[in-house]
Full PDB file with SEQRES, HELIX, SHEET, SSBOND, CRYST1, ORIGX, SCALE, CONECT and MASTER records, all heavy atoms in Angstrom:
SEQRES   1 A   34  ALA GLU VAL GLY LEU SER PRO ILE PRO ARG GLY GLU LEU          
SEQRES   2 A   34  LEU ASP CYS SER SER PRO THR LYS LEU ILE GLU TYR MET          
SEQRES   3 A   34  ALA LEU GLY VAL PRO VAL VAL CYS                              
HELIX    1 AA1 THR A   20  ALA A   27  1                                   8    
SHEET    1 AA1 2 GLY A   4  LEU A   5  0                                        
SHEET    2 AA1 2 VAL A  32  VAL A  33  1                                        
CRYST1    1.000    1.000    1.000  90.00  90.00  90.00 P 1           1          
ORIGX1      1.000000  0.000000  0.000000        0.00000                         
ORIGX2      0.000000  1.000000  0.000000        0.00000                         
ORIGX3      0.000000  0.000000  1.000000        0.00000                         
SCALE1      1.000000  0.000000  0.000000        0.00000                         
SCALE2      0.000000  1.000000  0.000000        0.00000                         
SCALE3      0.000000  0.000000  1.000000        0.00000                         
ATOM      1  N   ALA A   1       0.830  -1.210   0.000  1.00  0.00           N  
ATOM      2  CA  ALA A   1       0.000   0.000   0.000  1.00  0.00           C  
ATOM      3  C   ALA A   1       0.863   1.258   0.000  1.00  0.00           C  
ATOM      4  O   ALA A   1       2.030   1.245   0.403  1.00  0.00           O  
ATOM      5  CB  ALA A   1      -0.922  -0.006   1.206  1.00  0.00           C  
ATOM      6  N   GLU A   2       0.281   2.361  -0.436  1.00  0.00           N  
ATOM      7  CA  GLU A   2       0.957   3.657  -0.427  1.00  0.00           C  
ATOM      8  C   GLU A   2       0.548   4.507   0.768  1.00  0.00           C  
ATOM      9  O   GLU A   2       1.281   5.414   1.172  1.00  0.00           O  
ATOM     10  CB  GLU A   2       0.659   4.409  -1.719  1.00  0.00           C  
ATOM     11  CG  GLU A   2       1.257   3.782  -2.964  1.00  0.00           C  
ATOM     12  CD  GLU A   2       1.038   4.649  -4.183  1.00  0.00           C  
ATOM     13  OE1 GLU A   2       1.627   5.751  -4.257  1.00  0.00           O  
ATOM     14  OE2 GLU A   2       0.252   4.234  -5.065  1.00  0.00           O  
ATOM     15  N   VAL A   3      -0.623   4.226   1.334  1.00  0.00           N  
ATOM     16  CA  VAL A   3      -1.116   4.985   2.487  1.00  0.00           C  
ATOM     17  C   VAL A   3      -1.824   4.026   3.438  1.00  0.00           C  
ATOM     18  O   VAL A   3      -2.641   3.198   3.010  1.00  0.00           O  
ATOM     19  CB  VAL A   3      -2.098   6.107   2.060  1.00  0.00           C  
ATOM     20  CG1 VAL A   3      -2.734   6.770   3.281  1.00  0.00           C  
ATOM     21  CG2 VAL A   3      -1.385   7.147   1.215  1.00  0.00           C  
ATOM     22  N   GLY A   4      -1.506   4.141   4.719  1.00  0.00           N  
ATOM     23  CA  GLY A   4      -2.210   3.385   5.747  1.00  0.00           C  
ATOM     24  C   GLY A   4      -3.261   4.253   6.403  1.00  0.00           C  
ATOM     25  O   GLY A   4      -3.029   5.443   6.656  1.00  0.00           O  
ATOM     26  N   LEU A   5      -4.421   3.677   6.694  1.00  0.00           N  
ATOM     27  CA  LEU A   5      -5.539   4.404   7.298  1.00  0.00           C  
ATOM     28  C   LEU A   5      -5.734   3.935   8.733  1.00  0.00           C  
ATOM     29  O   LEU A   5      -5.877   2.738   8.990  1.00  0.00           O  
ATOM     30  CB  LEU A   5      -6.813   4.167   6.490  1.00  0.00           C  
ATOM     31  CG  LEU A   5      -6.731   4.539   5.003  1.00  0.00           C  
ATOM     32  CD1 LEU A   5      -7.951   4.022   4.252  1.00  0.00           C  
ATOM     33  CD2 LEU A   5      -6.586   6.052   4.835  1.00  0.00           C  
ATOM     34  N   SER A   6      -5.737   4.878   9.664  1.00  0.00           N  
ATOM     35  CA  SER A   6      -5.901   4.521  11.074  1.00  0.00           C  
ATOM     36  C   SER A   6      -6.953   5.415  11.731  1.00  0.00           C  
ATOM     37  O   SER A   6      -6.628   6.292  12.544  1.00  0.00           O  
ATOM     38  CB  SER A   6      -4.571   4.638  11.821  1.00  0.00           C  
ATOM     39  OG  SER A   6      -4.698   4.167  13.155  1.00  0.00           O  
ATOM     40  N   PRO A   7      -8.224   5.197  11.401  1.00  0.00           N  
ATOM     41  CA  PRO A   7      -9.293   5.969  12.054  1.00  0.00           C  
ATOM     42  C   PRO A   7      -9.697   5.312  13.373  1.00  0.00           C  
ATOM     43  O   PRO A   7      -9.985   4.118  13.426  1.00  0.00           O  
ATOM     44  CB  PRO A   7     -10.427   5.887  11.038  1.00  0.00           C  
ATOM     45  CG  PRO A   7     -10.242   4.549  10.380  1.00  0.00           C  
ATOM     46  CD  PRO A   7      -8.754   4.309  10.337  1.00  0.00           C  
ATOM     47  N   ILE A   8      -9.708   6.087  14.429  1.00  0.00           N  
ATOM     48  CA  ILE A   8     -10.155   5.622  15.744  1.00  0.00           C  
ATOM     49  C   ILE A   8     -11.214   6.602  16.233  1.00  0.00           C  
ATOM     50  O   ILE A   8     -10.884   7.680  16.733  1.00  0.00           O  
ATOM     51  CB  ILE A   8      -9.000   5.542  16.768  1.00  0.00           C  
ATOM     52  CG1 ILE A   8      -7.802   4.783  16.194  1.00  0.00           C  
ATOM     53  CG2 ILE A   8      -9.490   4.907  18.065  1.00  0.00           C  
ATOM     54  CD1 ILE A   8      -8.042   3.311  15.971  1.00  0.00           C  
ATOM     55  N   PRO A   9     -12.516   6.286  16.061  1.00  0.00           N  
ATOM     56  CA  PRO A   9     -13.557   7.234  16.458  1.00  0.00           C  
ATOM     57  C   PRO A   9     -13.382   7.708  17.901  1.00  0.00           C  
ATOM     58  O   PRO A   9     -13.057   6.914  18.797  1.00  0.00           O  
ATOM     59  CB  PRO A   9     -14.846   6.418  16.288  1.00  0.00           C  
ATOM     60  CG  PRO A   9     -14.511   5.409  15.238  1.00  0.00           C  
ATOM     61  CD  PRO A   9     -13.074   5.052  15.487  1.00  0.00           C  
ATOM     62  N   ARG A  10     -13.595   9.001  18.120  1.00  0.00           N  
ATOM     63  CA  ARG A  10     -13.443   9.579  19.443  1.00  0.00           C  
ATOM     64  C   ARG A  10     -14.587   9.151  20.344  1.00  0.00           C  
ATOM     65  O   ARG A  10     -15.708   8.969  19.903  1.00  0.00           O  
ATOM     66  CB  ARG A  10     -13.405  11.116  19.356  1.00  0.00           C  
ATOM     67  CG  ARG A  10     -12.258  11.685  18.547  1.00  0.00           C  
ATOM     68  CD  ARG A  10     -10.894  11.305  19.116  1.00  0.00           C  
ATOM     69  NE  ARG A  10     -10.767  11.626  20.526  1.00  0.00           N  
ATOM     70  CZ  ARG A  10     -10.368  12.811  20.999  1.00  0.00           C  
ATOM     71  NH1 ARG A  10     -10.069  13.777  20.152  1.00  0.00           N  
ATOM     72  NH2 ARG A  10     -10.264  13.010  22.298  1.00  0.00           N  
ATOM     73  N   GLY A  11     -14.293   8.980  21.626  1.00  0.00           N  
ATOM     74  CA  GLY A  11     -15.296   8.597  22.600  1.00  0.00           C  
ATOM     75  C   GLY A  11     -14.658   7.849  23.760  1.00  0.00           C  
ATOM     76  O   GLY A  11     -13.472   7.498  23.725  1.00  0.00           O  
ATOM     77  N   GLU A  12     -15.428   7.593  24.777  1.00  0.00           N  
ATOM     78  CA  GLU A  12     -14.926   6.971  26.000  1.00  0.00           C  
ATOM     79  C   GLU A  12     -14.241   5.638  25.743  1.00  0.00           C  
ATOM     80  O   GLU A  12     -13.214   5.327  26.346  1.00  0.00           O  
ATOM     81  CB  GLU A  12     -16.087   6.772  26.989  1.00  0.00           C  
ATOM     82  CG  GLU A  12     -15.678   6.085  28.285  1.00  0.00           C  
ATOM     83  CD  GLU A  12     -16.873   5.754  29.165  1.00  0.00           C  
ATOM     84  OE1 GLU A  12     -17.981   5.571  28.619  1.00  0.00           O  
ATOM     85  OE2 GLU A  12     -16.696   5.674  30.395  1.00  0.00           O  
ATOM     86  N   LEU A  13     -14.787   4.830  24.845  1.00  0.00           N  
ATOM     87  CA  LEU A  13     -14.280   3.479  24.664  1.00  0.00           C  
ATOM     88  C   LEU A  13     -12.941   3.432  23.938  1.00  0.00           C  
ATOM     89  O   LEU A  13     -12.105   2.568  24.237  1.00  0.00           O  
ATOM     90  CB  LEU A  13     -15.300   2.633  23.899  1.00  0.00           C  
ATOM     91  CG  LEU A  13     -16.627   2.371  24.606  1.00  0.00           C  
ATOM     92  CD1 LEU A  13     -17.537   1.530  23.725  1.00  0.00           C  
ATOM     93  CD2 LEU A  13     -16.402   1.677  25.947  1.00  0.00           C  
ATOM     94  N   LEU A  14     -12.716   4.330  22.974  1.00  0.00           N  
ATOM     95  CA  LEU A  14     -11.528   4.222  22.131  1.00  0.00           C  
ATOM     96  C   LEU A  14     -10.505   5.330  22.343  1.00  0.00           C  
ATOM     97  O   LEU A  14      -9.385   5.222  21.857  1.00  0.00           O  
ATOM     98  CB  LEU A  14     -11.944   4.177  20.656  1.00  0.00           C  
ATOM     99  CG  LEU A  14     -12.801   2.969  20.258  1.00  0.00           C  
ATOM    100  CD1 LEU A  14     -13.192   3.052  18.787  1.00  0.00           C  
ATOM    101  CD2 LEU A  14     -12.076   1.654  20.542  1.00  0.00           C  
ATOM    102  N   ASP A  15     -10.863   6.385  23.050  1.00  0.00           N  
ATOM    103  CA  ASP A  15      -9.886   7.442  23.312  1.00  0.00           C  
ATOM    104  C   ASP A  15      -8.689   6.916  24.095  1.00  0.00           C  
ATOM    105  O   ASP A  15      -7.584   7.453  23.990  1.00  0.00           O  
ATOM    106  CB  ASP A  15     -10.530   8.598  24.100  1.00  0.00           C  
ATOM    107  CG  ASP A  15     -11.179   9.618  23.181  1.00  0.00           C  
ATOM    108  OD1 ASP A  15     -11.148   9.418  21.951  1.00  0.00           O  
ATOM    109  OD2 ASP A  15     -11.728  10.608  23.699  1.00  0.00           O  
ATOM    110  N   CYS A  16      -8.909   5.878  24.888  1.00  0.00           N  
ATOM    111  CA  CYS A  16      -7.841   5.353  25.738  1.00  0.00           C  
ATOM    112  C   CYS A  16      -6.984   4.305  25.031  1.00  0.00           C  
ATOM    113  O   CYS A  16      -6.080   3.728  25.628  1.00  0.00           O  
ATOM    114  CB  CYS A  16      -8.427   4.760  27.018  1.00  0.00           C  
ATOM    115  SG  CYS A  16      -9.575   3.386  26.723  1.00  0.00           S  
ATOM    116  N   SER A  17      -7.251   4.043  23.759  1.00  0.00           N  
ATOM    117  CA  SER A  17      -6.526   2.988  23.049  1.00  0.00           C  
ATOM    118  C   SER A  17      -5.145   3.454  22.604  1.00  0.00           C  
ATOM    119  O   SER A  17      -4.838   4.646  22.565  1.00  0.00           O  
ATOM    120  CB  SER A  17      -7.330   2.535  21.827  1.00  0.00           C  
ATOM    121  OG  SER A  17      -7.421   3.587  20.883  1.00  0.00           O  
ATOM    122  N   SER A  18      -4.319   2.470  22.267  1.00  0.00           N  
ATOM    123  CA  SER A  18      -3.007   2.713  21.671  1.00  0.00           C  
ATOM    124  C   SER A  18      -2.958   1.884  20.397  1.00  0.00           C  
ATOM    125  O   SER A  18      -2.628   0.705  20.416  1.00  0.00           O  
ATOM    126  CB  SER A  18      -1.889   2.283  22.638  1.00  0.00           C  
ATOM    127  OG  SER A  18      -0.621   2.428  22.047  1.00  0.00           O  
ATOM    128  N   PRO A  19      -3.321   2.471  19.257  1.00  0.00           N  
ATOM    129  CA  PRO A  19      -3.526   1.690  18.034  1.00  0.00           C  
ATOM    130  C   PRO A  19      -2.259   1.006  17.514  1.00  0.00           C  
ATOM    131  O   PRO A  19      -1.237   1.656  17.285  1.00  0.00           O  
ATOM    132  CB  PRO A  19      -4.023   2.738  17.031  1.00  0.00           C  
ATOM    133  CG  PRO A  19      -4.564   3.845  17.886  1.00  0.00           C  
ATOM    134  CD  PRO A  19      -3.691   3.875  19.086  1.00  0.00           C  
ATOM    135  N   THR A  20      -2.343  -0.311  17.318  1.00  0.00           N  
ATOM    136  CA  THR A  20      -1.216  -1.072  16.795  1.00  0.00           C  
ATOM    137  C   THR A  20      -1.020  -0.828  15.307  1.00  0.00           C  
ATOM    138  O   THR A  20       0.110  -0.795  14.811  1.00  0.00           O  
ATOM    139  CB  THR A  20      -1.438  -2.574  17.027  1.00  0.00           C  
ATOM    140  OG1 THR A  20      -1.810  -2.792  18.391  1.00  0.00           O  
ATOM    141  CG2 THR A  20      -0.180  -3.372  16.726  1.00  0.00           C  
ATOM    142  N   LYS A  21      -2.126  -0.669  14.572  1.00  0.00           N  
ATOM    143  CA  LYS A  21      -2.021  -0.529  13.121  1.00  0.00           C  
ATOM    144  C   LYS A  21      -1.134   0.650  12.737  1.00  0.00           C  
ATOM    145  O   LYS A  21      -0.363   0.572  11.787  1.00  0.00           O  
ATOM    146  CB  LYS A  21      -3.404  -0.407  12.489  1.00  0.00           C  
ATOM    147  CG  LYS A  21      -4.214   0.814  12.914  1.00  0.00           C  
ATOM    148  CD  LYS A  21      -5.527   0.926  12.155  1.00  0.00           C  
ATOM    149  CE  LYS A  21      -6.514  -0.118  12.570  1.00  0.00           C  
ATOM    150  NZ  LYS A  21      -6.950  -0.008  13.983  1.00  0.00           N  
ATOM    151  N   LEU A  22      -1.241   1.743  13.486  1.00  0.00           N  
ATOM    152  CA  LEU A  22      -0.429   2.925  13.200  1.00  0.00           C  
ATOM    153  C   LEU A  22       1.053   2.579  13.247  1.00  0.00           C  
ATOM    154  O   LEU A  22       1.825   2.939  12.347  1.00  0.00           O  
ATOM    155  CB  LEU A  22      -0.755   4.007  14.227  1.00  0.00           C  
ATOM    156  CG  LEU A  22       0.147   5.244  14.229  1.00  0.00           C  
ATOM    157  CD1 LEU A  22      -0.164   6.113  13.040  1.00  0.00           C  
ATOM    158  CD2 LEU A  22      -0.009   6.023  15.523  1.00  0.00           C  
ATOM    159  N   ILE A  23       1.470   1.857  14.293  1.00  0.00           N  
ATOM    160  CA  ILE A  23       2.878   1.511  14.474  1.00  0.00           C  
ATOM    161  C   ILE A  23       3.332   0.535  13.391  1.00  0.00           C  
ATOM    162  O   ILE A  23       4.458   0.619  12.889  1.00  0.00           O  
ATOM    163  CB  ILE A  23       3.088   0.899  15.871  1.00  0.00           C  
ATOM    164  CG1 ILE A  23       2.502   1.807  16.963  1.00  0.00           C  
ATOM    165  CG2 ILE A  23       4.564   0.651  16.136  1.00  0.00           C  
ATOM    166  CD1 ILE A  23       3.112   3.172  17.025  1.00  0.00           C  
ATOM    167  N   GLU A  24       2.460  -0.391  13.022  1.00  0.00           N  
ATOM    168  CA  GLU A  24       2.811  -1.366  11.986  1.00  0.00           C  
ATOM    169  C   GLU A  24       2.968  -0.689  10.632  1.00  0.00           C  
ATOM    170  O   GLU A  24       3.892  -1.017   9.867  1.00  0.00           O  
ATOM    171  CB  GLU A  24       1.756  -2.466  11.941  1.00  0.00           C  
ATOM    172  CG  GLU A  24       1.779  -3.366  13.166  1.00  0.00           C  
ATOM    173  CD  GLU A  24       0.722  -4.448  13.127  1.00  0.00           C  
ATOM    174  OE1 GLU A  24      -0.418  -4.150  12.711  1.00  0.00           O  
ATOM    175  OE2 GLU A  24       1.024  -5.587  13.527  1.00  0.00           O  
ATOM    176  N   TYR A  25       2.071   0.233  10.289  1.00  0.00           N  
ATOM    177  CA  TYR A  25       2.224   0.977   9.040  1.00  0.00           C  
ATOM    178  C   TYR A  25       3.599   1.663   9.005  1.00  0.00           C  
ATOM    179  O   TYR A  25       4.323   1.600   8.003  1.00  0.00           O  
ATOM    180  CB  TYR A  25       1.148   2.064   8.907  1.00  0.00           C  
ATOM    181  CG  TYR A  25      -0.277   1.606   8.811  1.00  0.00           C  
ATOM    182  CD1 TYR A  25      -1.314   2.426   9.263  1.00  0.00           C  
ATOM    183  CD2 TYR A  25      -0.627   0.377   8.264  1.00  0.00           C  
ATOM    184  CE1 TYR A  25      -2.639   2.042   9.163  1.00  0.00           C  
ATOM    185  CE2 TYR A  25      -1.952  -0.017   8.173  1.00  0.00           C  
ATOM    186  CZ  TYR A  25      -2.955   0.817   8.628  1.00  0.00           C  
ATOM    187  OH  TYR A  25      -4.271   0.421   8.535  1.00  0.00           O  
ATOM    188  N   MET A  26       3.936   2.346  10.092  1.00  0.00           N  
ATOM    189  CA  MET A  26       5.196   3.081  10.152  1.00  0.00           C  
ATOM    190  C   MET A  26       6.388   2.149   9.977  1.00  0.00           C  
ATOM    191  O   MET A  26       7.317   2.452   9.214  1.00  0.00           O  
ATOM    192  CB  MET A  26       5.287   3.827  11.486  1.00  0.00           C  
ATOM    193  CG  MET A  26       4.287   4.957  11.650  1.00  0.00           C  
ATOM    194  SD  MET A  26       4.161   5.565  13.358  1.00  0.00           S  
ATOM    195  CE  MET A  26       5.849   6.084  13.699  1.00  0.00           C  
ATOM    196  N   ALA A  27       6.370   1.016  10.677  1.00  0.00           N  
ATOM    197  CA  ALA A  27       7.503   0.080  10.623  1.00  0.00           C  
ATOM    198  C   ALA A  27       7.684  -0.505   9.233  1.00  0.00           C  
ATOM    199  O   ALA A  27       8.802  -0.845   8.833  1.00  0.00           O  
ATOM    200  CB  ALA A  27       7.306  -1.032  11.645  1.00  0.00           C  
ATOM    201  N   LEU A  28       6.584  -0.629   8.485  1.00  0.00           N  
ATOM    202  CA  LEU A  28       6.639  -1.207   7.150  1.00  0.00           C  
ATOM    203  C   LEU A  28       6.806  -0.156   6.055  1.00  0.00           C  
ATOM    204  O   LEU A  28       6.682  -0.449   4.868  1.00  0.00           O  
ATOM    205  CB  LEU A  28       5.384  -2.046   6.896  1.00  0.00           C  
ATOM    206  CG  LEU A  28       5.299  -3.322   7.752  1.00  0.00           C  
ATOM    207  CD1 LEU A  28       3.913  -3.930   7.670  1.00  0.00           C  
ATOM    208  CD2 LEU A  28       6.350  -4.338   7.316  1.00  0.00           C  
ATOM    209  N   GLY A  29       7.090   1.085   6.461  1.00  0.00           N  
ATOM    210  CA  GLY A  29       7.423   2.121   5.499  1.00  0.00           C  
ATOM    211  C   GLY A  29       6.255   2.766   4.800  1.00  0.00           C  
ATOM    212  O   GLY A  29       6.411   3.297   3.690  1.00  0.00           O  
ATOM    213  N   VAL A  30       5.081   2.763   5.440  1.00  0.00           N  
ATOM    214  CA  VAL A  30       3.874   3.308   4.816  1.00  0.00           C  
ATOM    215  C   VAL A  30       3.402   4.541   5.593  1.00  0.00           C  
ATOM    216  O   VAL A  30       3.101   4.432   6.787  1.00  0.00           O  
ATOM    217  CB  VAL A  30       2.751   2.247   4.772  1.00  0.00           C  
ATOM    218  CG1 VAL A  30       1.486   2.824   4.161  1.00  0.00           C  
ATOM    219  CG2 VAL A  30       3.211   1.023   3.982  1.00  0.00           C  
ATOM    220  N   PRO A  31       3.324   5.705   4.964  1.00  0.00           N  
ATOM    221  CA  PRO A  31       2.812   6.893   5.660  1.00  0.00           C  
ATOM    222  C   PRO A  31       1.340   6.734   6.020  1.00  0.00           C  
ATOM    223  O   PRO A  31       0.610   5.997   5.358  1.00  0.00           O  
ATOM    224  CB  PRO A  31       3.025   8.019   4.647  1.00  0.00           C  
ATOM    225  CG  PRO A  31       3.138   7.355   3.330  1.00  0.00           C  
ATOM    226  CD  PRO A  31       3.726   5.997   3.569  1.00  0.00           C  
ATOM    227  N   VAL A  32       0.920   7.451   7.032  1.00  0.00           N  
ATOM    228  CA  VAL A  32      -0.378   7.198   7.659  1.00  0.00           C  
ATOM    229  C   VAL A  32      -1.272   8.426   7.626  1.00  0.00           C  
ATOM    230  O   VAL A  32      -0.813   9.555   7.833  1.00  0.00           O  
ATOM    231  CB  VAL A  32      -0.181   6.781   9.135  1.00  0.00           C  
ATOM    232  CG1 VAL A  32      -1.513   6.384   9.765  1.00  0.00           C  
ATOM    233  CG2 VAL A  32       0.827   5.642   9.254  1.00  0.00           C  
ATOM    234  N   VAL A  33      -2.559   8.172   7.391  1.00  0.00           N  
ATOM    235  CA  VAL A  33      -3.598   9.159   7.674  1.00  0.00           C  
ATOM    236  C   VAL A  33      -4.339   8.665   8.908  1.00  0.00           C  
ATOM    237  O   VAL A  33      -4.864   7.542   8.923  1.00  0.00           O  
ATOM    238  CB  VAL A  33      -4.587   9.312   6.506  1.00  0.00           C  
ATOM    239  CG1 VAL A  33      -5.729  10.256   6.907  1.00  0.00           C  
ATOM    240  CG2 VAL A  33      -3.876   9.840   5.274  1.00  0.00           C  
ATOM    241  N   CYS A  34      -4.369   9.483   9.939  1.00  0.00           N  
ATOM    242  CA  CYS A  34      -5.063   9.104  11.167  1.00  0.00           C  
ATOM    243  C   CYS A  34      -5.894  10.288  11.651  1.00  0.00           C  
ATOM    244  O   CYS A  34      -5.789  11.395  11.129  1.00  0.00           O  
ATOM    245  CB  CYS A  34      -4.085   8.663  12.252  1.00  0.00           C  
ATOM    246  SG  CYS A  34      -3.095  10.011  12.949  1.00  0.00           S  
TER     247      CYS A  34                                                      
MASTER        0    0    0    1    2    0    0    6  246    1    0    3          
END                                                                             
């Protein structure tokens, strides 16, 4: 892929998350839209 997508809807349940997909995109050389 040329772009990784990391949408995490705002709210009580997901604001506290630490998204793995974002880190994996970065490690594999793919810029991210989050």
